Amino acid sequence: MKNHSIAIINANIVNEGSIRQEDILISNGRIKKITPHLKLEDGTKVIDANGQYLLPGLIDDQVHFREPGLTHKGGILSESAAAIAGGVTSFMDMPNVNPPTLNRELLSEKYAIAKDKAYANYAFYLGASNNNLEEIKRLEKNDACGVKVFMGASTGNLLVDDDDALESIFSECPMLIATHCEDSPTINRNLAEVRKKYPDGKIPVSEHPNIRSVESCYKSSSKAVDLARRHNSKLHVLHLTTEKELSLFEPLSKEEKRITAEVCVHHLYYDDSYYETMGSKIVCNPAVKTSRDRSSLMQALNNNVIDVIATDHAPHTIDEKEKPYPDCPSGLPLIQHSLLLLLDFYREGQLTLETIVDKTSHSLARIYGIKDRGFIREDYWADLVLVDLNKNTTVTKDNLLYECAWSPFEGKTFNSLINMTIINGELVYNHGKILTQPSGKKIEFE
């Protein structure tokens, strides 16, 4: 069906703050026409939505697809397949792979891999270190989606813990800076105190949010915001987890903001009461915290204090995850079910469909300056997902597409169904089946 015309009729289109029943004509990968009554030409493939909801495909700005070097956990092929099954049509992948993506040559190598393996559209971050400022300064607009700065809580060359290096990065980076904000000295002190409580070394998983504490998050995120304000940097703070951090951000329009914030789906769903039943499966950095933090994050989304919803999709093998805490790695696979979870929040009255679309598509396009994606508009790329709010999806091992072959949602039934995913005008996923070979495109930026 590539490069042929597709008409989607009788769809409830959720886009730019409204829901309208209209038809869409797609031709040569792009949206050619949006109208209430589409006149069909011979040879056009017709998809009758029958009142189902058509959304812009999700843009996930924080994933760890593990390639190169860590492909026993996941890879661009497997994880992007899971992405399109979940309605995610574009992803931005992080630099903590092996070797870490710390220069433009390694960036180019990742793009070359994705060209043959990515089902969804793709972009990659350049990682920051204490000593790669010259590489950062040479970046041009389509080299990377941004520069990822681990401000503590990382290992090796990707940890930026030198204040002079941070000042230089924030003052001279030519594009968006995305930060992981946890303060390592605070974490290390907390861990030392917890080890004293458990001299036998058997630290319960429930200590994770005490070790990676509210203070460790706030100390680092407030430092990032201060740096950005002083240097007028374009800053995007990833995966907020605490009520306290919300005071750092303002409910301005996207056009007014140079400092933006993100929350991840698991921090909207889980709280510290889940450690007892889920154990190390929900260990992630920053940690899942209290129910009050969780509800405050949801409120901040609805008040436009938080701008983006992402996944921080981070697969590990189940053997790795089942190691005793704190030796188990942090992160969980989420991208196949993130939209389904958000649609459950809609059904519960916690989020509107318009807010979901804004925080997973529109805001990403605005914040990152993505060209011709993130909206359902004429002449834009046709990246779309059709969802059925009247059918259920039960998560089982058999329908998982992750390389790691497990999900924290196994056994859960979501109250919606991802029916179809269209990327660059091509129907790539339909009723549980992937229909094509990888054909995602490199994301371009304004």
Protein backbone atom coordinates (compact mmCIF):
# COMPACT_ATOMS: atom_id res chain seq x y z
CA MET A 1 0.00 0.00 0.00
CA LYS A 2 3.02 2.27 0.02
CA ASN A 3 2.62 5.43 -2.09
CA HIS A 4 -1.02 4.56 -2.85
CA SER A 5 -4.01 6.57 -1.66
CA ILE A 6 -5.77 5.63 1.55
CA ALA A 7 -9.04 7.15 2.71
CA ILE A 8 -10.04 6.95 6.37
CA ILE A 9 -13.75 7.71 6.68
CA ASN A 10 -16.14 8.18 9.61
CA ALA A 11 -13.34 8.76 12.13
CA ASN A 12 -13.57 10.81 15.32
CA ILE A 13 -10.40 12.85 14.82
CA VAL A 14 -8.74 14.03 18.05
CA ASN A 15 -6.49 16.92 17.13
CA GLU A 16 -5.52 20.41 18.33
CA GLY A 17 -7.99 20.60 21.18
CA SER A 18 -11.10 19.25 19.47
CA ILE A 19 -12.83 16.03 18.39
CA ARG A 20 -14.50 16.11 14.98
CA GLN A 21 -15.95 13.38 12.78
CA GLU A 22 -14.20 13.83 9.44
CA ASP A 23 -12.59 11.90 6.61
CA ILE A 24 -8.93 11.93 5.67
CA LEU A 25 -7.29 11.29 2.31
CA ILE A 26 -3.67 10.13 2.40
CA SER A 27 -1.48 10.18 -0.70
CA ASN A 28 2.28 9.67 -1.17
CA GLY A 29 2.82 9.41 2.56
CA ARG A 30 1.13 12.66 3.51
CA ILE A 31 -2.32 13.90 4.48
CA LYS A 32 -3.78 15.35 1.30
CA LYS A 33 -7.25 16.34 2.49
CA ILE A 34 -9.31 16.55 5.69
CA THR A 35 -13.03 17.07 5.09
CA PRO A 36 -16.40 15.97 6.51
CA HIS A 37 -17.47 14.34 3.22
CA LEU A 38 -14.60 12.96 1.18
CA LYS A 39 -15.20 12.19 -2.49
CA LEU A 40 -13.46 8.90 -3.21
CA GLU A 41 -11.56 8.17 -6.39
CA ASP A 42 -11.21 4.75 -7.97
CA GLY A 43 -8.26 2.76 -6.61
CA THR A 44 -8.29 4.42 -3.20
CA LYS A 45 -8.08 1.98 -0.29
CA VAL A 46 -10.90 2.80 2.11
CA ILE A 47 -10.70 2.29 5.88
CA ASP A 48 -14.08 2.80 7.54
CA ALA A 49 -13.35 3.87 11.12
CA ASN A 50 -17.02 3.43 12.12
CA GLY A 51 -16.71 6.15 14.75
CA GLN A 52 -13.44 4.93 16.24
CA TYR A 53 -10.95 7.56 17.37
CA LEU A 54 -8.09 8.67 15.13
CA LEU A 55 -5.13 10.27 16.91
CA PRO A 56 -1.77 11.60 15.74
CA GLY A 57 0.77 8.84 16.26
CA LEU A 58 2.59 9.14 19.56
CA ILE A 59 6.09 10.64 19.62
CA ASP A 60 8.09 9.08 22.46
CA ASP A 61 11.03 11.33 23.30
CA GLN A 62 12.67 8.96 25.77
CA VAL A 63 13.42 5.35 24.89
CA HIS A 64 16.33 2.98 25.39
CA PHE A 65 16.31 0.57 22.45
CA ARG A 66 19.72 -0.85 23.53
CA GLU A 67 21.47 -0.81 20.17
CA PRO A 68 24.39 -1.05 19.68
CA GLY A 69 26.06 -3.23 22.26
CA LEU A 70 23.20 -4.29 24.57
CA THR A 71 20.97 -6.15 22.14
CA HIS A 72 20.38 -9.12 24.45
CA LYS A 73 17.96 -6.72 26.20
CA GLY A 74 16.38 -5.23 23.09
CA GLY A 75 17.16 -3.73 19.70
CA ILE A 76 15.82 -1.19 17.27
CA LEU A 77 13.99 -3.90 15.28
CA SER A 78 12.17 -5.53 18.20
CA GLU A 79 11.45 -2.42 20.25
CA SER A 80 10.23 -0.34 17.30
CA ALA A 81 7.91 -3.24 16.40
CA ALA A 82 6.49 -3.01 19.92
CA ALA A 83 6.24 0.76 19.47
CA ILE A 84 4.01 0.61 16.39
CA ALA A 85 1.86 -2.05 18.06
CA GLY A 86 1.32 0.55 20.78
CA GLY A 87 0.52 3.45 18.45
CA VAL A 88 3.96 5.09 18.78
CA THR A 89 5.00 6.31 15.33
CA SER A 90 8.23 8.17 16.21
CA PHE A 91 10.87 7.64 18.87
CA MET A 92 13.95 9.42 20.22
CA ASP A 93 16.60 7.05 21.52
CA MET A 94 19.05 7.66 24.34
CA PRO A 95 22.88 7.53 24.19
CA ASN A 96 23.62 5.06 27.03
CA VAL A 97 24.44 2.16 24.74
CA ASN A 98 27.78 0.45 24.14
CA PRO A 99 29.80 2.39 23.13
CA PRO A 100 28.01 5.49 24.48
CA THR A 101 26.90 7.90 21.75
CA LEU A 102 29.34 10.69 22.57
CA ASN A 103 30.35 11.92 19.12
CA ARG A 104 28.84 12.56 15.72
CA GLU A 105 30.48 9.52 14.16
CA LEU A 106 28.70 7.22 16.62
CA LEU A 107 25.47 9.14 15.99
CA SER A 108 25.83 8.47 12.26
CA GLU A 109 26.34 4.78 12.95
CA LYS A 110 23.08 4.63 14.92
CA TYR A 111 21.20 6.34 12.11
CA ALA A 112 22.62 3.80 9.66
CA ILE A 113 21.37 0.93 11.84
CA ALA A 114 17.92 2.49 12.18
CA LYS A 115 17.57 2.99 8.43
CA ASP A 116 17.28 -0.79 8.01
CA LYS A 117 15.67 -1.76 11.32
CA ALA A 118 13.25 0.93 12.52
CA TYR A 119 9.54 0.34 11.97
CA ALA A 120 8.83 3.81 13.39
CA ASN A 121 10.41 7.18 12.62
CA TYR A 122 13.57 7.83 14.59
CA ALA A 123 16.00 10.35 16.03
CA PHE A 124 18.90 10.01 18.46
CA TYR A 125 20.42 12.08 21.24
CA LEU A 126 24.07 12.92 21.54
CA GLY A 127 25.29 12.14 25.04
CA ALA A 128 27.11 14.79 27.05
CA SER A 129 30.23 14.09 29.09
CA ASN A 130 32.63 16.14 31.15
CA ASN A 131 34.90 16.53 28.12
CA ASN A 132 32.98 16.41 24.80
CA LEU A 133 31.94 20.06 24.59
CA GLU A 134 33.50 20.49 21.14
CA GLU A 135 31.34 17.67 19.76
CA ILE A 136 28.26 19.31 21.26
CA LYS A 137 29.11 22.72 19.79
CA ARG A 138 29.48 21.25 16.28
CA LEU A 139 26.00 19.75 16.23
CA GLU A 140 23.71 20.87 13.41
CA LYS A 141 19.93 20.72 13.51
CA ASN A 142 19.38 17.27 11.97
CA ASP A 143 22.39 15.58 13.61
CA ALA A 144 20.45 14.85 16.80
CA CYS A 145 17.12 15.53 18.48
CA GLY A 146 18.95 16.98 21.48
CA VAL A 147 21.81 16.55 23.93
CA LYS A 148 21.23 14.22 26.86
CA VAL A 149 22.85 15.26 30.12
CA PHE A 150 22.95 12.79 33.00
CA MET A 151 23.28 15.24 35.88
CA GLY A 152 24.26 12.54 38.33
CA ALA A 153 22.96 8.98 38.60
CA SER A 154 24.78 7.51 35.64
CA THR A 155 28.06 5.71 35.07
CA GLY A 156 31.19 6.10 33.00
CA ASN A 157 31.64 8.92 30.52
CA LEU A 158 27.95 9.81 30.45
CA LEU A 159 27.95 11.21 33.99
CA VAL A 160 28.37 14.99 33.89
CA ASP A 161 29.34 15.94 37.43
CA ASP A 162 31.82 18.73 36.74
CA ASP A 163 30.31 22.17 37.38
CA ASP A 164 32.52 23.89 34.80
CA ALA A 165 31.46 21.34 32.18
CA LEU A 166 27.80 21.91 33.02
CA GLU A 167 28.20 25.69 32.75
CA SER A 168 29.82 25.28 29.33
CA ILE A 169 27.19 22.84 28.06
CA PHE A 170 24.29 25.03 29.15
CA SER A 171 25.88 28.18 27.74
CA GLU A 172 27.10 26.77 24.41
CA CYS A 173 24.82 23.87 23.40
CA PRO A 174 23.17 24.80 20.07
CA MET A 175 20.02 22.72 20.63
CA LEU A 176 17.67 21.36 23.26
CA ILE A 177 19.23 19.90 26.42
CA ALA A 178 17.38 16.96 27.98
CA THR A 179 18.37 16.13 31.55
CA HIS A 180 18.15 13.15 33.88
CA CYS A 181 18.08 14.86 37.27
CA GLU A 182 19.19 12.94 40.36
CA ASP A 183 22.04 14.01 42.62
CA SER A 184 24.61 11.23 42.98
CA PRO A 185 26.23 12.38 46.26
CA THR A 186 22.79 12.46 47.90
CA ILE A 187 21.97 9.00 46.56
CA ASN A 188 25.29 7.62 47.79
CA ARG A 189 24.77 9.04 51.28
CA ASN A 190 21.26 7.60 51.42
CA LEU A 191 22.50 4.19 50.29
CA ALA A 192 25.20 4.19 52.96
CA GLU A 193 22.58 4.91 55.64
CA VAL A 194 20.28 2.18 54.36
CA ARG A 195 23.12 -0.34 54.35
CA LYS A 196 23.58 0.35 58.07
CA LYS A 197 19.91 -0.56 58.64
CA TYR A 198 20.41 -3.91 56.89
CA PRO A 199 23.83 -5.25 57.91
CA ASP A 200 23.00 -8.62 56.31
CA GLY A 201 22.88 -6.86 52.92
CA LYS A 202 19.25 -7.83 52.27
CA ILE A 203 17.85 -4.42 51.42
CA PRO A 204 14.15 -4.51 50.52
CA VAL A 205 13.05 -3.00 47.20
CA SER A 206 10.82 -0.61 49.14
CA GLU A 207 13.94 1.34 50.15
CA HIS A 208 14.52 2.38 46.52
CA PRO A 209 12.55 5.66 46.75
CA ASN A 210 14.30 6.46 50.04
CA ILE A 211 17.71 5.99 48.44
CA ARG A 212 16.80 7.81 45.23
CA SER A 213 14.93 10.34 47.29
CA VAL A 214 12.84 13.43 46.71
CA GLU A 215 15.81 15.55 47.77
CA SER A 216 18.15 13.85 45.28
CA CYS A 217 15.69 14.70 42.50
CA TYR A 218 14.96 18.26 43.59
CA LYS A 219 18.60 19.18 44.19
CA SER A 220 19.51 18.14 40.65
CA SER A 221 16.45 19.43 38.78
CA SER A 222 16.61 22.82 40.52
CA LYS A 223 20.26 23.06 39.49
CA ALA A 224 19.35 22.31 35.86
CA VAL A 225 16.59 24.92 35.87
CA ASP A 226 18.93 27.51 37.40
CA LEU A 227 21.57 26.81 34.75
CA ALA A 228 18.99 27.09 31.96
CA ARG A 229 17.61 30.38 33.28
CA ARG A 230 21.03 31.93 33.63
CA HIS A 231 22.14 30.87 30.15
CA ASN A 232 18.74 31.06 28.40
CA SER A 233 19.13 27.41 27.40
CA LYS A 234 16.36 25.33 25.90
CA LEU A 235 15.89 22.73 28.65
CA HIS A 236 13.65 19.68 28.85
CA VAL A 237 13.67 17.93 32.23
CA LEU A 238 12.89 14.25 31.80
CA HIS A 239 10.75 11.93 33.97
CA LEU A 240 9.66 14.06 36.93
CA THR A 241 8.58 11.96 39.92
CA THR A 242 7.99 14.34 42.82
CA GLU A 243 5.49 16.95 43.90
CA LYS A 244 8.33 19.14 45.13
CA GLU A 245 9.91 19.50 41.69
CA LEU A 246 6.70 20.88 40.18
CA SER A 247 7.36 24.26 41.82
CA LEU A 248 10.25 24.73 39.36
CA PHE A 249 7.99 24.86 36.30
CA GLU A 250 5.33 27.26 35.04
CA PRO A 251 1.99 26.72 33.24
CA LEU A 252 2.91 28.89 30.25
CA SER A 253 2.03 28.17 26.63
CA LYS A 254 4.50 26.01 24.68
CA GLU A 255 5.48 29.03 22.59
CA GLU A 256 6.52 30.93 25.74
CA LYS A 257 8.46 28.12 27.40
CA ARG A 258 12.17 27.49 27.08
CA ILE A 259 12.08 25.19 30.10
CA THR A 260 9.74 22.20 29.81
CA ALA A 261 9.04 19.05 31.79
CA GLU A 262 8.04 15.45 31.22
CA VAL A 263 6.35 12.66 33.16
CA CYS A 264 6.44 8.97 32.28
CA VAL A 265 3.46 6.63 32.19
CA HIS A 266 4.71 4.37 34.98
CA HIS A 267 5.05 7.31 37.36
CA LEU A 268 1.41 8.17 36.65
CA TYR A 269 0.29 4.59 37.35
CA TYR A 270 2.47 3.10 40.08
CA ASP A 271 3.21 4.38 43.57
CA ASP A 272 5.28 2.99 46.43
CA SER A 273 2.48 0.63 47.52
CA TYR A 274 3.27 -1.49 44.44
CA TYR A 275 6.78 -2.44 45.60
CA GLU A 276 5.28 -5.19 47.76
CA THR A 277 3.63 -6.97 44.82
CA MET A 278 5.79 -5.90 41.87
CA GLY A 279 9.19 -5.92 43.55
CA SER A 280 12.18 -5.23 41.33
CA LYS A 281 10.01 -5.19 38.19
CA ILE A 282 9.14 -1.54 38.90
CA VAL A 283 12.61 -0.47 40.02
CA CYS A 284 13.47 2.50 37.83
CA ASN A 285 15.45 5.72 38.02
CA PRO A 286 14.09 8.10 39.20
CA ALA A 287 12.16 5.87 41.56
CA VAL A 288 8.40 5.40 41.77
CA LYS A 289 7.39 7.46 44.80
CA THR A 290 4.24 8.13 46.86
CA SER A 291 0.58 8.23 45.87
CA ARG A 292 0.60 11.96 46.66
CA ASP A 293 3.48 12.47 44.22
CA ARG A 294 1.61 10.44 41.62
CA SER A 295 -1.63 12.44 41.96
CA SER A 296 0.31 15.72 41.89
CA LEU A 297 1.98 14.71 38.63
CA MET A 298 -1.42 13.98 37.09
CA GLN A 299 -2.73 17.34 38.25
CA ALA A 300 0.35 19.09 36.83
CA LEU A 301 -0.33 17.48 33.46
CA ASN A 302 -3.85 18.84 33.42
CA ASN A 303 -2.67 22.29 34.53
CA ASN A 304 0.00 22.46 31.77
CA VAL A 305 2.85 22.55 34.28
CA ILE A 306 4.05 19.27 32.73
CA ASP A 307 4.28 19.32 28.94
CA VAL A 308 5.09 15.78 27.79
CA ILE A 309 4.16 12.17 28.53
CA ALA A 310 6.81 9.58 27.58
CA THR A 311 7.78 6.03 28.55
CA ASP A 312 11.51 5.87 29.34
CA HIS A 313 11.12 2.41 27.78
CA ALA A 314 14.09 0.49 29.20
CA PRO A 315 14.10 -3.29 28.68
CA HIS A 316 16.22 -5.71 30.71
CA THR A 317 16.07 -9.48 30.69
CA ILE A 318 13.92 -11.02 33.38
CA ASP A 319 17.01 -12.74 34.82
CA GLU A 320 18.65 -9.35 35.24
CA LYS A 321 15.55 -7.82 36.81
CA GLU A 322 15.18 -10.66 39.31
CA LYS A 323 18.61 -10.10 40.86
CA PRO A 324 18.44 -9.06 44.53
CA TYR A 325 18.07 -5.33 45.17
CA PRO A 326 20.11 -3.15 44.71
CA ASP A 327 21.94 -5.28 42.12
CA CYS A 328 18.90 -5.46 39.83
CA PRO A 329 19.07 -2.95 36.95
CA SER A 330 16.61 -0.05 36.76
CA GLY A 331 14.06 0.33 34.00
CA LEU A 332 11.04 -1.45 32.56
CA PRO A 333 9.55 -2.11 29.10
CA LEU A 334 6.48 0.05 28.47
CA ILE A 335 6.17 1.30 24.90
CA GLN A 336 3.71 -1.32 23.64
CA HIS A 337 1.09 -0.35 26.25
CA SER A 338 1.65 3.32 27.04
CA LEU A 339 -1.28 4.59 24.95
CA LEU A 340 -3.59 1.88 26.29
CA LEU A 341 -2.72 2.99 29.83
CA LEU A 342 -3.43 6.62 28.97
CA LEU A 343 -6.77 5.63 27.43
CA ASP A 344 -7.65 3.92 30.71
CA PHE A 345 -6.89 7.22 32.46
CA TYR A 346 -9.31 8.85 30.00
CA ARG A 347 -12.04 6.34 30.80
CA GLU A 348 -11.48 6.99 34.52
CA GLY A 349 -11.89 10.74 33.97
CA GLN A 350 -8.28 11.60 34.83
CA LEU A 351 -7.26 12.82 31.37
CA THR A 352 -9.17 13.99 28.31
CA LEU A 353 -8.41 12.60 24.87
CA GLU A 354 -7.38 16.09 23.80
CA THR A 355 -4.85 16.28 26.66
CA ILE A 356 -3.43 12.85 25.82
CA VAL A 357 -2.88 13.91 22.20
CA ASP A 358 -1.36 17.23 23.25
CA LYS A 359 1.11 15.66 25.69
CA THR A 360 2.15 12.75 23.45
CA SER A 361 2.22 14.43 20.01
CA HIS A 362 1.57 18.15 19.70
CA SER A 363 3.85 19.23 22.55
CA LEU A 364 6.70 17.08 21.28
CA ALA A 365 6.48 18.63 17.83
CA ARG A 366 6.54 22.13 19.31
CA ILE A 367 9.25 21.58 21.92
CA TYR A 368 11.67 19.73 19.63
CA GLY A 369 10.76 21.64 16.47
CA ILE A 370 9.79 18.47 14.59
CA LYS A 371 9.05 19.10 10.94
CA ASP A 372 5.63 18.07 9.54
CA ARG A 373 4.73 15.59 12.29
CA GLY A 374 2.78 15.56 15.54
CA PHE A 375 -0.49 16.99 14.17
CA ILE A 376 -3.27 15.83 11.86
CA ARG A 377 -2.88 18.57 9.25
CA GLU A 378 -2.98 18.71 5.48
CA ASP A 379 0.49 18.30 3.94
CA TYR A 380 1.86 16.73 7.14
CA TRP A 381 3.19 13.18 7.19
CA ALA A 382 0.38 10.71 7.83
CA ASP A 383 1.46 9.28 11.21
CA LEU A 384 -1.81 8.08 12.74
CA VAL A 385 -3.25 5.59 15.20
CA LEU A 386 -6.83 4.33 15.18
CA VAL A 387 -8.11 3.20 18.59
CA ASP A 388 -11.26 1.32 19.55
CA LEU A 389 -12.58 2.41 22.94
CA ASN A 390 -15.16 -0.40 22.97
CA LYS A 391 -12.79 -3.38 22.84
CA ASN A 392 -10.33 -4.70 25.42
CA THR A 393 -6.67 -5.73 25.28
CA THR A 394 -5.30 -8.36 27.67
CA VAL A 395 -1.50 -8.43 28.01
CA THR A 396 0.00 -11.91 27.74
CA LYS A 397 3.49 -13.21 27.06
CA ASP A 398 2.26 -14.41 23.66
CA ASN A 399 1.38 -10.92 22.41
CA LEU A 400 4.49 -9.12 23.65
CA LEU A 401 6.94 -7.92 20.98
CA TYR A 402 9.80 -6.90 23.27
CA GLU A 403 13.10 -8.76 22.95
CA CYS A 404 13.10 -9.15 26.74
CA ALA A 405 9.72 -10.97 26.51
CA TRP A 406 8.13 -9.64 29.70
CA SER A 407 5.97 -6.71 30.77
CA PRO A 408 4.96 -5.31 34.15
CA PHE A 409 1.39 -5.36 32.79
CA GLU A 410 1.20 -9.13 32.12
CA GLY A 411 -2.28 -10.33 32.98
CA LYS A 412 -3.77 -6.83 32.97
CA THR A 413 -6.75 -6.06 30.72
CA PHE A 414 -6.83 -2.56 29.26
CA ASN A 415 -10.21 -1.16 28.27
CA SER A 416 -9.23 -0.14 24.71
CA LEU A 417 -7.58 -1.61 21.62
CA ILE A 418 -4.91 -0.28 19.26
CA ASN A 419 -6.61 -1.12 15.98
CA MET A 420 -4.34 0.32 13.28
CA THR A 421 -1.12 2.27 13.03
CA ILE A 422 -0.19 4.25 9.92
CA ILE A 423 3.33 5.64 9.47
CA ASN A 424 4.33 7.88 6.57
CA GLY A 425 1.04 7.03 4.91
CA GLU A 426 1.55 3.28 5.10
CA LEU A 427 -0.64 0.90 7.08
CA VAL A 428 2.04 -0.85 9.14
CA TYR A 429 0.00 -2.47 11.93
CA ASN A 430 -3.53 -3.84 11.70
CA HIS A 431 -5.54 -5.93 14.18
CA GLY A 432 -2.54 -7.34 16.02
CA LYS A 433 -0.30 -7.94 13.01
CA ILE A 434 2.69 -6.08 11.59
CA LEU A 435 2.15 -5.80 7.84
CA THR A 436 5.41 -4.38 6.51
CA GLN A 437 9.17 -4.44 6.68
CA PRO A 438 10.87 -1.64 8.67
CA SER A 439 10.39 1.62 6.79
CA GLY A 440 10.61 4.40 9.38
CA LYS A 441 12.18 7.69 8.35
CA LYS A 442 14.72 9.91 10.05
CA ILE A 443 12.87 12.69 11.89
CA GLU A 444 13.65 16.14 10.51
CA PHE A 445 13.67 19.32 12.57
CA GLU A 446 12.71 22.89 11.75
